Amino acid sequence: MWGSLLVLIFTCLRCYITGFVLEGITQCGVREKVGDVSFNYQVNFNRLPIVKFSKDEGKFLPCDVDISEIKKAAEDICLTLNSGGKHMLEYMKKKEKTCNMQVMEYWESTVQRAVKPSMNVFLPDSFGSEPPTSSLVCHVWGFYPSDISVIWMKNGEILSNTTEAVPVGDWTYQVVAQQDVTDSSPDDEYTCAVRHPSLDHLMTSSWRQGWTRDEIIKISISSLIFISGLTFAISGYICWSNSRRNGY
């Protein structure tokens, strides 16, 4: 059918101008509302729109063209196409139906898809002369759609909630949520919880401060001093007991 359409258009144009490129363009658009598909069909002459199909009027109409020769050719093309009557209308309805089917299939496999997130909770390392890092990081990535809630909790109590996702560029999003742990104790438990449409339940990851390296060194030294002192005291007591037994 498209081949016949080109022949008709070529017949109309060849009387006015030579050396041109004709394009039949079908545009299938999807608005934010699911299922709201727009269908447009037009004919371009050297990238210039000259003829369009009006779904409301059920016929072809000439586009606004400043060049008189092309405008006259567009009017003749519309007259020729519209004289096809029922056949051209059925052809446009068929193209619109194909448009709707293809767009909804694409919509379901892209916009309506759901991809589960991945997450990692960590305390960044400090380098060189930088002060020790005191902000815990919850990195959530690789999810779609962008609707998400990243919650920080301390010992089960909610501290913060981050909902702003950043696009990565591959149709997925990421969130980096930080939490200050400066005043945390070794027994405190920090939990990052993620809510997302792709998840049946909360995705969580927990972290504990534990003993720091300095604290471990201090405890080790204190324990060593205590054990040494205790050993010295026991040895002294044994020596003293033996000396009394021997009559010294």
Protein backbone atom coordinates (compact mmCIF):
# COMPACT_ATOMS: atom_id res chain seq x y z
CA MET A 1 0.00 0.00 0.00
CA TRP A 2 2.86 2.38 0.84
CA GLY A 3 4.38 1.70 -2.57
CA SER A 4 1.14 2.71 -4.29
CA LEU A 5 0.98 5.80 -2.11
CA LEU A 6 4.48 6.82 -3.17
CA VAL A 7 3.57 6.38 -6.82
CA LEU A 8 0.58 8.67 -6.38
CA ILE A 9 2.64 11.32 -4.64
CA PHE A 10 5.44 11.02 -7.18
CA THR A 11 2.93 11.51 -10.00
CA CYS A 12 1.72 14.73 -8.41
CA LEU A 13 5.18 16.10 -7.65
CA ARG A 14 7.01 15.28 -10.86
CA CYS A 15 5.09 18.02 -12.68
CA TYR A 16 6.45 20.66 -10.30
CA ILE A 17 10.01 19.72 -9.34
CA THR A 18 12.68 17.07 -9.81
CA GLY A 19 15.45 15.66 -7.61
CA PHE A 20 13.72 15.07 -4.29
CA VAL A 21 13.33 12.61 -1.42
CA LEU A 22 9.91 11.51 -0.15
CA GLU A 23 9.35 10.14 3.34
CA GLY A 24 6.27 8.55 4.85
CA ILE A 25 6.59 9.03 8.62
CA THR A 26 4.46 7.33 11.27
CA GLN A 27 4.78 8.83 14.77
CA CYS A 28 3.58 6.85 17.78
CA GLY A 29 3.75 8.87 20.99
CA VAL A 30 3.00 7.83 24.58
CA ARG A 31 2.14 10.37 27.23
CA GLU A 32 2.63 9.84 30.97
CA LYS A 33 -0.84 8.35 31.32
CA VAL A 34 -0.69 4.62 30.61
CA GLY A 35 -2.45 3.73 27.39
CA ASP A 36 -2.65 7.31 26.10
CA VAL A 37 -1.15 6.74 22.65
CA SER A 38 -1.07 9.44 19.98
CA PHE A 39 -0.89 8.52 16.28
CA ASN A 40 0.36 10.86 13.56
CA TYR A 41 1.11 10.20 9.91
CA GLN A 42 2.69 12.65 7.50
CA VAL A 43 4.53 12.83 4.19
CA ASN A 44 7.78 14.82 3.98
CA PHE A 45 9.34 16.33 0.88
CA ASN A 46 13.09 16.81 1.43
CA ARG A 47 12.39 16.78 5.21
CA LEU A 48 9.65 19.39 4.79
CA PRO A 49 6.19 18.21 5.98
CA ILE A 50 3.73 18.69 3.14
CA VAL A 51 0.84 16.30 3.86
CA LYS A 52 -0.63 14.99 7.12
CA PHE A 53 -3.49 12.68 8.01
CA SER A 54 -6.20 14.08 10.29
CA LYS A 55 -7.70 11.31 12.40
CA ASP A 56 -10.54 13.58 13.52
CA GLU A 57 -11.58 14.50 9.97
CA GLY A 58 -10.67 11.14 8.50
CA LYS A 59 -8.76 12.56 5.55
CA PHE A 60 -5.40 13.95 4.37
CA LEU A 61 -4.71 17.67 4.75
CA PRO A 62 -1.93 19.87 3.31
CA CYS A 63 0.62 21.26 5.77
CA ASP A 64 1.51 24.94 5.93
CA VAL A 65 4.13 25.44 3.20
CA ASP A 66 5.56 28.80 2.10
CA ILE A 67 6.73 27.64 -1.35
CA SER A 68 3.79 28.04 -3.72
CA GLU A 69 4.79 25.20 -6.07
CA ILE A 70 5.11 22.70 -3.22
CA LYS A 71 1.92 23.98 -1.60
CA LYS A 72 0.03 23.40 -4.86
CA ALA A 73 1.56 19.93 -5.13
CA ALA A 74 0.52 19.16 -1.52
CA GLU A 75 -3.07 20.16 -2.29
CA ASP A 76 -3.09 17.92 -5.36
CA ILE A 77 -1.63 15.04 -3.33
CA CYS A 78 -4.37 15.41 -0.70
CA LEU A 79 -7.02 15.50 -3.41
CA THR A 80 -5.60 12.32 -4.95
CA LEU A 81 -5.27 10.47 -1.63
CA ASN A 82 -8.69 11.50 -0.35
CA SER A 83 -10.28 10.33 -3.59
CA GLY A 84 -9.20 6.85 -2.53
CA GLY A 85 -12.01 7.07 0.01
CA LYS A 86 -12.57 3.98 2.10
CA HIS A 87 -9.34 2.25 1.09
CA MET A 88 -7.06 5.04 2.35
CA LEU A 89 -9.08 5.40 5.56
CA GLU A 90 -8.78 1.66 6.24
CA TYR A 91 -5.06 1.87 5.53
CA MET A 92 -4.64 4.63 8.12
CA LYS A 93 -6.71 2.71 10.68
CA LYS A 94 -4.50 -0.32 10.14
CA LYS A 95 -1.35 1.75 10.69
CA GLU A 96 -2.86 3.27 13.86
CA LYS A 97 -3.71 -0.19 15.20
CA THR A 98 -0.15 -1.37 14.53
CA CYS A 99 1.14 1.77 16.24
CA ASN A 100 -0.92 1.09 19.37
CA MET A 101 0.19 -2.55 19.57
CA GLN A 102 3.88 -1.77 19.14
CA VAL A 103 3.86 1.18 21.54
CA MET A 104 2.13 -0.75 24.34
CA GLU A 105 4.53 -3.66 23.88
CA TYR A 106 7.45 -1.25 24.14
CA TRP A 107 5.81 0.51 27.11
CA GLU A 108 5.44 -2.73 29.06
CA SER A 109 9.03 -3.82 28.41
CA THR A 110 10.56 -0.46 29.32
CA VAL A 111 8.52 2.08 31.29
CA GLN A 112 6.38 -0.47 33.14
CA ARG A 113 9.20 -2.86 33.96
CA ALA A 114 10.48 -3.24 37.52
CA VAL A 115 14.14 -3.92 38.34
CA LYS A 116 15.19 -4.84 41.87
CA PRO A 117 17.88 -2.70 43.54
CA SER A 118 21.26 -3.79 44.88
CA MET A 119 22.67 -2.26 48.06
CA ASN A 120 25.89 -1.93 50.05
CA VAL A 121 26.48 -0.38 53.48
CA PHE A 122 30.03 0.67 54.32
CA LEU A 123 32.21 3.17 56.16
CA PRO A 124 34.56 4.86 53.65
CA ASP A 125 38.27 4.57 54.33
CA SER A 126 40.30 7.65 55.27
CA PHE A 127 43.51 8.32 53.39
CA GLY A 128 46.68 10.20 54.31
CA SER A 129 46.19 13.12 56.67
CA GLU A 130 42.41 13.19 56.28
CA PRO A 131 40.41 12.99 59.52
CA PRO A 132 38.67 9.66 60.22
CA THR A 133 35.43 9.23 58.29
CA SER A 134 32.33 9.45 60.49
CA SER A 135 29.60 9.11 57.85
CA LEU A 136 28.19 5.70 57.09
CA VAL A 137 27.15 5.21 53.45
CA CYS A 138 24.20 3.24 52.09
CA HIS A 139 24.60 2.88 48.32
CA VAL A 140 21.52 1.60 46.47
CA TRP A 141 21.76 1.16 42.71
CA GLY A 142 20.47 -0.55 39.56
CA PHE A 143 16.74 -0.13 40.26
CA TYR A 144 13.74 0.95 38.16
CA PRO A 145 11.39 2.82 38.40
CA SER A 146 12.79 5.77 40.35
CA ASP A 147 10.21 5.61 43.16
CA ILE A 148 12.19 4.52 46.23
CA SER A 149 12.58 5.08 49.96
CA VAL A 150 15.97 4.60 51.65
CA ILE A 151 15.61 4.68 55.45
CA TRP A 152 18.37 4.92 58.05
CA MET A 153 17.63 3.41 61.49
CA LYS A 154 19.64 3.28 64.71
CA ASN A 155 18.73 0.43 67.04
CA GLY A 156 15.35 0.21 65.30
CA GLU A 157 14.60 3.95 65.52
CA ILE A 158 14.18 5.87 62.24
CA LEU A 159 16.78 8.60 61.71
CA SER A 160 16.26 9.72 58.09
CA ASN A 161 14.43 8.90 54.87
CA THR A 162 15.85 9.59 51.40
CA THR A 163 13.57 9.45 48.34
CA GLU A 164 15.52 11.37 45.67
CA ALA A 165 16.95 8.98 43.08
CA VAL A 166 19.58 9.98 40.51
CA PRO A 167 19.46 8.59 36.93
CA VAL A 168 22.54 6.63 35.93
CA GLY A 169 22.01 6.81 32.16
CA ASP A 170 21.12 3.17 31.46
CA TRP A 171 17.43 3.38 32.44
CA THR A 172 18.29 2.67 36.09
CA TYR A 173 18.70 4.87 39.16
CA GLN A 174 20.86 5.10 42.26
CA VAL A 175 20.73 6.64 45.74
CA VAL A 176 23.61 7.45 48.10
CA ALA A 177 22.31 8.02 51.65
CA GLN A 178 24.78 9.02 54.37
CA GLN A 179 24.40 8.80 58.15
CA ASP A 180 26.65 10.38 60.78
CA VAL A 181 27.95 7.81 63.30
CA THR A 182 30.30 10.05 65.28
CA ASP A 183 28.59 9.46 68.64
CA SER A 184 27.94 5.75 68.15
CA SER A 185 28.94 3.13 70.70
CA PRO A 186 30.18 -0.42 69.95
CA ASP A 187 26.71 -1.83 70.72
CA ASP A 188 24.80 0.53 68.39
CA GLU A 189 23.36 -1.08 65.28
CA TYR A 190 22.69 1.01 62.17
CA THR A 191 20.32 -0.41 59.56
CA CYS A 192 19.65 0.79 56.02
CA ALA A 193 16.20 -0.28 54.79
CA VAL A 194 14.99 0.02 51.19
CA ARG A 195 11.40 0.14 49.93
CA HIS A 196 10.83 -0.24 46.19
CA PRO A 197 7.92 -1.36 43.93
CA SER A 198 9.98 -4.34 42.71
CA LEU A 199 10.41 -5.71 46.26
CA ASP A 200 7.91 -7.87 48.16
CA HIS A 201 9.48 -6.89 51.49
CA LEU A 202 12.03 -4.47 52.94
CA MET A 203 15.61 -4.94 51.80
CA THR A 204 17.92 -4.30 54.76
CA SER A 205 21.60 -4.25 55.60
CA SER A 206 23.01 -3.60 59.10
CA TRP A 207 26.29 -2.28 60.44
CA ARG A 208 27.88 -2.11 63.92
CA GLN A 209 30.68 0.17 65.01
CA GLY A 210 32.44 -2.47 67.09
CA TRP A 211 35.78 -1.66 68.66
CA THR A 212 38.03 0.73 66.75
CA ARG A 213 41.69 -0.01 66.16
CA ASP A 214 42.78 2.54 68.76
CA GLU A 215 40.34 1.12 71.29
CA ILE A 216 41.60 -2.42 70.62
CA ILE A 217 45.21 -1.27 71.12
CA LYS A 218 44.32 0.51 74.37
CA ILE A 219 42.41 -2.50 75.66
CA SER A 220 45.24 -4.83 74.65
CA ILE A 221 47.86 -2.69 76.41
CA SER A 222 45.67 -2.35 79.50
CA SER A 223 45.07 -6.10 79.56
CA LEU A 224 48.80 -6.78 79.16
CA ILE A 225 49.65 -4.39 82.00
CA PHE A 226 46.96 -5.93 84.19
CA ILE A 227 48.14 -9.50 83.47
CA SER A 228 51.78 -8.50 84.05
CA GLY A 229 50.87 -6.82 87.33
CA LEU A 230 48.78 -9.79 88.40
CA THR A 231 51.59 -12.18 87.50
CA PHE A 232 54.09 -10.06 89.44
CA ALA A 233 51.76 -9.93 92.44
CA ILE A 234 51.19 -13.69 92.42
CA SER A 235 54.92 -14.35 92.05
CA GLY A 236 55.67 -11.99 94.92
CA TYR A 237 53.07 -13.65 97.10
CA ILE A 238 54.48 -17.11 96.35
CA CYS A 239 58.01 -15.94 97.16
CA TRP A 240 56.83 -14.34 100.37
CA SER A 241 54.94 -17.50 101.40
CA ASN A 242 57.98 -19.68 100.74
CA SER A 243 60.26 -17.37 102.72
CA ARG A 244 57.97 -17.53 105.75
CA ARG A 245 57.79 -21.31 105.50
CA ASN A 246 61.60 -21.51 105.46
CA GLY A 247 61.89 -19.24 108.45
CA TYR A 248 63.29 -16.19 106.71
